[in-house]
């Protein structure tokens, strides 16, 4: 018998599987709007970001439809060869958890990069910012973004840190992150703000100030996190306030 790797059962998948079970049991019928993120968060005793990730996983699995500003609605079960499918696929690492990890790791990396960066490193970082300015598509913009962060990690002269950043960026292209990025308009609407953030990090690295570089990197990634927690997905957002306030 072949042995297959065992993937960890992510928290958002546990939430998604529970809601899929309620759909299977008829608690939510086709066309029903699911409770708001705030309500589901309170009932399931998980954070609202986890609920958001679960909703997107359900959408990727074809069980619900996310209608921006209107809510999340139950769809007819997807079928394969006439057989109804109600399982929830693993769509990748949770985006909020991923960005939180990047905040911890890349803030420290920026501090370290300021100590060891060379003129060549600084030129590579500057080139990535120029590439982002010239980007005309979301794919080109994201590739320039990846190159920027990879170049800073390389400037630490620590191969382990560089590999960790590369691994985290691979997860940034997962189905879950892709869909959340588009729903919250992280792609491509943050183009100019990202360039501004990158310039501040680059300037701190030019000065060789680890403290400033770390602070600028943390602020940049916190901006990404805030965008992912944008409330336009939640039908009750205008009454409930921003999602980030209750996370």
Protein backbone atom coordinates (compact mmCIF):
# COMPACT_ATOMS: atom_id res chain seq x y z
CA UNK A 1 0.00 0.00 0.00
CA UNK A 2 1.48 3.40 -0.96
CA UNK A 3 2.00 5.85 1.89
CA UNK A 4 0.74 9.39 1.36
CA UNK A 5 1.76 12.48 3.28
CA UNK A 6 -0.73 13.65 5.90
CA UNK A 7 -1.65 17.33 5.69
CA UNK A 8 -2.58 19.15 8.91
CA UNK A 9 -6.30 19.80 9.20
CA UNK A 10 -6.36 23.57 9.15
CA UNK A 11 -8.71 25.41 11.50
CA UNK A 12 -10.60 27.10 8.68
CA UNK A 13 -11.25 23.66 7.19
CA UNK A 14 -12.70 22.44 10.46
CA UNK A 15 -15.08 25.40 10.43
CA UNK A 16 -15.88 24.87 6.74
CA UNK A 17 -16.54 21.15 7.28
CA UNK A 18 -18.93 21.94 10.14
CA UNK A 19 -20.91 24.38 7.98
CA UNK A 20 -20.86 21.90 5.07
CA UNK A 21 -22.32 19.36 7.49
CA UNK A 22 -25.16 21.75 8.33
CA UNK A 23 -25.84 22.19 4.62
CA UNK A 24 -25.88 18.40 4.17
CA UNK A 25 -28.32 18.11 7.09
CA UNK A 26 -30.66 20.69 5.56
CA UNK A 27 -30.09 23.33 8.24
CA UNK A 28 -29.29 25.71 5.39
CA UNK A 29 -31.24 25.26 2.16
CA UNK A 30 -30.27 26.20 -1.38
CA UNK A 31 -30.50 29.98 -1.75
CA UNK A 32 -30.32 30.67 1.99
CA UNK A 33 -28.01 33.40 3.16
CA UNK A 34 -25.62 32.23 5.85
CA UNK A 35 -25.36 34.15 9.14
CA UNK A 36 -22.91 37.06 9.24
CA UNK A 37 -19.25 36.55 10.04
CA UNK A 38 -19.80 38.12 13.45
CA UNK A 39 -22.62 35.70 14.30
CA UNK A 40 -20.75 32.64 13.05
CA UNK A 41 -17.63 33.72 14.92
CA UNK A 42 -19.58 33.97 18.19
CA UNK A 43 -21.40 30.66 17.70
CA UNK A 44 -18.33 28.70 16.62
CA UNK A 45 -15.99 30.46 19.08
CA UNK A 46 -13.35 31.18 16.48
CA UNK A 47 -11.99 34.45 15.13
CA UNK A 48 -13.75 36.27 12.35
CA UNK A 49 -10.71 35.89 10.06
CA UNK A 50 -11.04 32.10 10.46
CA UNK A 51 -14.73 32.31 9.54
CA UNK A 52 -13.84 34.39 6.48
CA UNK A 53 -11.27 31.84 5.36
CA UNK A 54 -13.82 29.05 5.88
CA UNK A 55 -16.39 30.86 3.73
CA UNK A 56 -13.93 31.23 0.89
CA UNK A 57 -12.94 27.56 1.18
CA UNK A 58 -16.64 26.66 0.89
CA UNK A 59 -16.92 28.87 -2.18
CA UNK A 60 -13.87 27.25 -3.80
CA UNK A 61 -15.49 23.88 -3.08
CA UNK A 62 -18.65 25.05 -4.88
CA UNK A 63 -20.94 24.97 -1.84
CA UNK A 64 -21.61 28.69 -1.42
CA UNK A 65 -21.40 31.92 -3.40
CA UNK A 66 -19.81 35.04 -1.90
CA UNK A 67 -21.67 38.12 -3.10
CA UNK A 68 -19.64 41.14 -2.12
CA UNK A 69 -21.61 43.41 0.19
CA UNK A 70 -24.67 41.14 0.10
CA UNK A 71 -23.56 38.04 1.98
CA UNK A 72 -22.84 34.38 1.42
CA UNK A 73 -25.49 32.14 -0.14
CA UNK A 74 -25.89 28.36 -0.32
CA UNK A 75 -25.55 26.85 -3.80
CA UNK A 76 -26.87 23.55 -5.16
CA UNK A 77 -24.35 20.79 -4.32
CA UNK A 78 -21.72 20.39 -7.04
CA UNK A 79 -21.81 17.08 -8.87
CA UNK A 80 -19.24 14.81 -10.45
CA UNK A 81 -20.61 12.10 -12.73
CA UNK A 82 -24.02 12.69 -11.19
CA UNK A 83 -22.77 12.20 -7.63
CA UNK A 84 -23.23 15.12 -5.24
CA UNK A 85 -20.00 16.40 -3.69
CA UNK A 86 -20.15 18.17 -0.33
CA UNK A 87 -16.57 17.81 0.86
CA UNK A 88 -14.27 20.77 1.51
CA UNK A 89 -10.92 20.78 -0.24
CA UNK A 90 -7.75 22.06 1.39
CA UNK A 91 -7.26 25.35 -0.46
CA UNK A 92 -3.95 26.27 1.15
CA UNK A 93 -2.69 27.97 4.28
CA UNK A 94 -5.05 30.46 5.93
CA UNK A 95 -4.22 33.92 4.47
CA UNK A 96 -4.43 35.77 7.79
CA UNK A 97 -2.30 33.16 9.53
CA UNK A 98 0.16 33.39 6.65
CA UNK A 99 0.43 37.18 6.81
CA UNK A 100 0.79 37.03 10.60
CA UNK A 101 3.74 34.67 10.14
CA UNK A 102 5.24 37.02 7.59
CA UNK A 103 4.92 39.96 9.99
CA UNK A 104 6.94 38.10 12.62
CA UNK A 105 9.53 36.70 10.22
CA UNK A 106 10.02 39.48 7.69
CA UNK A 107 10.16 42.25 10.30
CA UNK A 108 13.16 40.48 11.83
CA UNK A 109 14.60 39.82 8.35
CA UNK A 110 14.47 43.53 7.49
CA UNK A 111 16.40 44.33 10.66
CA UNK A 112 19.02 41.73 9.77
CA UNK A 113 19.19 42.78 6.12
CA UNK A 114 20.07 46.34 7.14
CA UNK A 115 23.21 45.00 8.81
CA UNK A 116 24.47 42.89 5.91
CA UNK A 117 23.08 44.42 2.68
CA UNK A 118 25.52 45.22 -0.09
CA UNK A 119 25.28 47.74 -2.92
CA UNK A 120 24.27 44.87 -5.19
CA UNK A 121 21.45 43.90 -2.82
CA UNK A 122 20.22 47.48 -2.75
CA UNK A 123 20.25 47.64 -6.56
CA UNK A 124 18.24 44.42 -6.77
CA UNK A 125 15.69 45.75 -4.28
CA UNK A 126 15.44 49.02 -6.19
CA UNK A 127 14.97 47.14 -9.48
CA UNK A 128 12.04 45.23 -7.98
CA UNK A 129 10.38 48.53 -7.04
CA UNK A 130 10.93 49.83 -10.59
CA UNK A 131 9.42 46.60 -11.95
CA UNK A 132 6.36 47.15 -9.78
CA UNK A 133 6.00 50.72 -11.07
CA UNK A 134 6.13 49.38 -14.64
CA UNK A 135 3.77 46.45 -14.00
CA UNK A 136 0.63 46.51 -16.12
CA UNK A 137 -0.92 43.24 -14.96
CA UNK A 138 -1.70 41.71 -11.57
CA UNK A 139 0.69 38.83 -12.30
CA UNK A 140 3.57 41.19 -13.10
CA UNK A 141 2.82 43.26 -10.02
CA UNK A 142 2.82 40.22 -7.74
CA UNK A 143 6.04 38.86 -9.25
CA UNK A 144 7.76 42.19 -8.60
CA UNK A 145 6.39 42.09 -5.05
CA UNK A 146 7.78 38.59 -4.52
CA UNK A 147 11.16 39.61 -5.92
CA UNK A 148 11.32 42.57 -3.52
CA UNK A 149 10.78 40.43 -0.42
CA UNK A 150 13.07 37.66 -1.68
CA UNK A 151 15.86 40.19 -2.31
CA UNK A 152 15.62 41.51 1.25
CA UNK A 153 15.77 37.97 2.62
CA UNK A 154 18.82 37.26 0.44
CA UNK A 155 20.50 40.38 1.85
CA UNK A 156 20.61 38.76 5.30
CA UNK A 157 23.20 36.27 3.98
CA UNK A 158 21.21 33.54 5.73
CA UNK A 159 20.02 30.81 3.38
CA UNK A 160 17.50 29.44 5.88
CA UNK A 161 15.73 32.79 6.12
CA UNK A 162 15.71 33.09 2.32
CA UNK A 163 14.16 29.62 1.99
CA UNK A 164 11.50 30.43 4.59
CA UNK A 165 10.45 33.55 2.70
CA UNK A 166 10.35 31.58 -0.55
CA UNK A 167 8.12 28.96 1.08
CA UNK A 168 5.74 31.56 2.49
CA UNK A 169 5.48 33.19 -0.92
CA UNK A 170 4.56 29.89 -2.54
CA UNK A 171 1.56 29.83 -0.20
CA UNK A 172 0.71 33.40 -1.28
CA UNK A 173 -0.37 31.91 -4.62
CA UNK A 174 -2.69 29.27 -3.10
CA UNK A 175 -6.36 29.16 -4.23
CA UNK A 176 -7.52 30.49 -0.86
CA UNK A 177 -5.15 33.47 -0.86
CA UNK A 178 -5.90 34.20 -4.52
CA UNK A 179 -9.65 34.31 -3.94
CA UNK A 180 -9.46 36.34 -0.73
CA UNK A 181 -7.09 38.77 -2.43
CA UNK A 182 -9.57 39.39 -5.23
CA UNK A 183 -12.65 39.58 -3.00
CA UNK A 184 -11.05 42.16 -0.71
CA UNK A 185 -9.43 43.95 -3.67
CA UNK A 186 -5.93 43.36 -2.41
CA UNK A 187 -5.27 42.52 -6.08
CA UNK A 188 -4.67 44.87 -7.81
CA UNK A 189 -5.95 47.92 -5.92
CA UNK A 190 -3.07 48.13 -3.44
CA UNK A 191 -0.53 48.78 -6.20
CA UNK A 192 0.41 52.37 -5.34
CA UNK A 193 0.29 51.90 -1.57
CA UNK A 194 2.56 48.85 -1.89
CA UNK A 195 5.08 50.83 -3.94
CA UNK A 196 5.07 53.55 -1.28
CA UNK A 197 5.60 50.97 1.48
CA UNK A 198 8.44 49.33 -0.46
CA UNK A 199 10.14 52.67 -1.00
CA UNK A 200 10.11 53.36 2.75
CA UNK A 201 11.68 49.96 3.46
CA UNK A 202 14.29 50.54 0.75
CA UNK A 203 15.17 53.97 2.14
CA UNK A 204 15.68 52.51 5.61
CA UNK A 205 17.93 49.81 4.18
CA UNK A 206 19.92 52.46 2.28
CA UNK A 207 20.56 54.21 5.61
CA UNK A 208 21.49 50.88 7.19
CA UNK A 209 18.93 51.43 9.93
CA UNK A 210 17.64 48.06 11.10
CA UNK A 211 15.15 49.65 13.48
CA UNK A 212 13.59 51.77 10.73
CA UNK A 213 13.63 48.90 8.23
CA UNK A 214 11.90 46.57 10.66
CA UNK A 215 9.29 49.18 11.53
CA UNK A 216 8.62 49.94 7.85
CA UNK A 217 8.29 46.23 7.00
CA UNK A 218 5.90 45.65 9.89
CA UNK A 219 3.76 48.62 8.83
CA UNK A 220 3.68 47.34 5.24
CA UNK A 221 2.55 43.84 6.16
CA UNK A 222 0.02 45.20 8.64
CA UNK A 223 -1.46 47.15 5.71
CA UNK A 224 -1.79 43.87 3.79
CA UNK A 225 -3.49 42.27 6.79
CA UNK A 226 -5.92 45.18 7.14
CA UNK A 227 -6.89 44.91 3.47
CA UNK A 228 -7.55 41.17 3.80
CA UNK A 229 -9.87 41.95 6.70
CA UNK A 230 -11.83 44.48 4.66
CA UNK A 231 -15.49 44.34 5.57
CA UNK A 232 -17.04 44.54 2.08
CA UNK A 233 -17.56 40.76 2.02
CA UNK A 234 -19.82 40.78 5.05
CA UNK A 235 -23.49 41.63 4.47
CA UNK A 236 -23.78 43.08 7.99
CA UNK A 237 -20.53 45.02 7.88
CA UNK A 238 -22.02 48.50 7.83
CA UNK A 239 -23.85 47.81 11.08
CA UNK A 240 -21.15 45.70 12.71
CA UNK A 241 -18.04 47.76 12.05
CA UNK A 242 -14.79 46.62 10.53
CA UNK A 243 -13.89 42.99 10.83
CA UNK A 244 -10.42 43.78 12.14
CA UNK A 245 -11.93 45.51 15.19
CA UNK A 246 -13.29 42.24 16.53
CA UNK A 247 -10.57 39.85 15.40
